[in-house]
């Protein structure tokens, strides 16, 4: 989480982008293992999670 926060520090669009990645899943950014989609997480909750992750230092 600290690495994610550091990578996107100062990026005003990071929370929105990360929220979309939480719900859609993805891979290739942090290694070979893909993160599965988390469709059970609402868009609002994904945004809250992303905003929280960005505060970790």
Protein backbone atom coordinates (compact mmCIF):
# COMPACT_ATOMS: atom_id res chain seq x y z
CA UNK A 1 0.00 0.00 0.00
CA UNK A 2 2.86 2.36 0.80
CA UNK A 3 4.34 1.77 -2.66
CA UNK A 4 1.00 2.54 -4.32
CA UNK A 5 0.63 5.74 -2.31
CA UNK A 6 4.19 6.79 -3.14
CA UNK A 7 3.80 6.03 -6.85
CA UNK A 8 0.69 8.18 -7.21
CA UNK A 9 1.59 10.94 -4.72
CA UNK A 10 0.50 14.30 -6.10
CA UNK A 11 -1.58 12.78 -8.90
CA UNK A 12 -5.00 14.39 -8.61
CA UNK A 13 -6.66 11.74 -10.77
CA UNK A 14 -5.14 8.76 -8.94
CA UNK A 15 -8.09 8.05 -6.62
CA UNK A 16 -10.53 7.78 -9.51
CA UNK A 17 -8.15 5.60 -11.54
CA UNK A 18 -7.39 3.30 -8.60
CA UNK A 19 -11.09 2.97 -7.76
CA UNK A 20 -11.74 1.77 -11.30
CA UNK A 21 -8.83 -0.70 -11.06
CA UNK A 22 -10.17 -2.05 -7.77
CA UNK A 23 -13.50 -2.89 -9.40
CA UNK A 24 -12.17 -3.96 -12.82
CA UNK A 25 -9.03 -5.77 -11.71
CA UNK A 26 -5.78 -5.54 -13.57
CA UNK A 27 -2.25 -6.74 -13.89
CA UNK A 28 1.23 -5.96 -15.04
CA UNK A 29 1.78 -2.84 -12.96
CA UNK A 30 3.02 -4.45 -9.74
CA UNK A 31 4.17 -7.83 -11.00
CA UNK A 32 2.96 -10.78 -13.01
CA UNK A 33 0.05 -11.81 -10.79
CA UNK A 34 -3.18 -10.13 -11.82
CA UNK A 35 -5.61 -8.70 -9.30
CA UNK A 36 -9.07 -10.14 -9.90
CA UNK A 37 -12.04 -7.80 -10.31
CA UNK A 38 -13.81 -6.83 -7.10
CA UNK A 39 -17.30 -6.22 -8.46
CA UNK A 40 -18.88 -6.74 -5.03
CA UNK A 41 -17.28 -3.44 -3.98
CA UNK A 42 -19.51 -0.49 -4.86
CA UNK A 43 -18.09 2.40 -6.87
CA UNK A 44 -18.41 4.63 -3.80
CA UNK A 45 -16.60 2.13 -1.57
CA UNK A 46 -13.87 1.63 -4.18
CA UNK A 47 -13.31 5.40 -4.24
CA UNK A 48 -13.15 5.48 -0.43
CA UNK A 49 -10.63 2.62 -0.43
CA UNK A 50 -8.51 4.32 -3.09
CA UNK A 51 -8.54 7.62 -1.21
CA UNK A 52 -7.48 5.84 1.97
CA UNK A 53 -4.65 3.97 0.21
CA UNK A 54 -3.32 7.28 -1.09
CA UNK A 55 -3.00 8.62 2.50
CA UNK A 56 -0.71 5.80 3.65
CA UNK A 57 2.90 6.80 4.10
